Amino acid sequence: FLPAAARVVKVDFKISNKDDAGTAKGEFVRWMLENRCMTVEDLLEFKGLDEESPDYRLSKKQTSADSLLFEQNVGDGLDGGWSRKMKDFGGSKGKFMKEFASGAQKYQRAEIKNALKKETKANKK
């Protein structure tokens, strides 16, 4: 028995592990109750229980107006994403690899290449 102007929104988490997704939903419900959220706009502010280091962010790929999709807050350069570092470097990919993955750090070449591929695939979706 909701008021006529009430808006019902489905909240979901885009996380590959179902247990982690369930934990995230639990954190969301706890956060929502602690902050006494009454509107959908209040829900958009969710970043996780620890607001100093956000665990989640609102996904850019929203399926409908009546659903909110959150995802883990990783790979956007805040925590050392390689594509962000390469963008900030300003040189070519070859120069970037020489700077960060040559000599003693040669082992990082594969890590950087795999991370760049993964981020490119994630951006295409």
Foldseek 3Di string as FASTA:
>chain_A
DDDPPDAAAAEFEPDPDPVVRVVQVVQLVVVCVVVVDDDVVVSQPQQGPDPVDGQKHWDPDDPDPRYTYIYGPDQPCPVNRLVVVVVVVPDDPVVVCCVQQDDPNVVCPVVNVVSVVVVVVVVVD
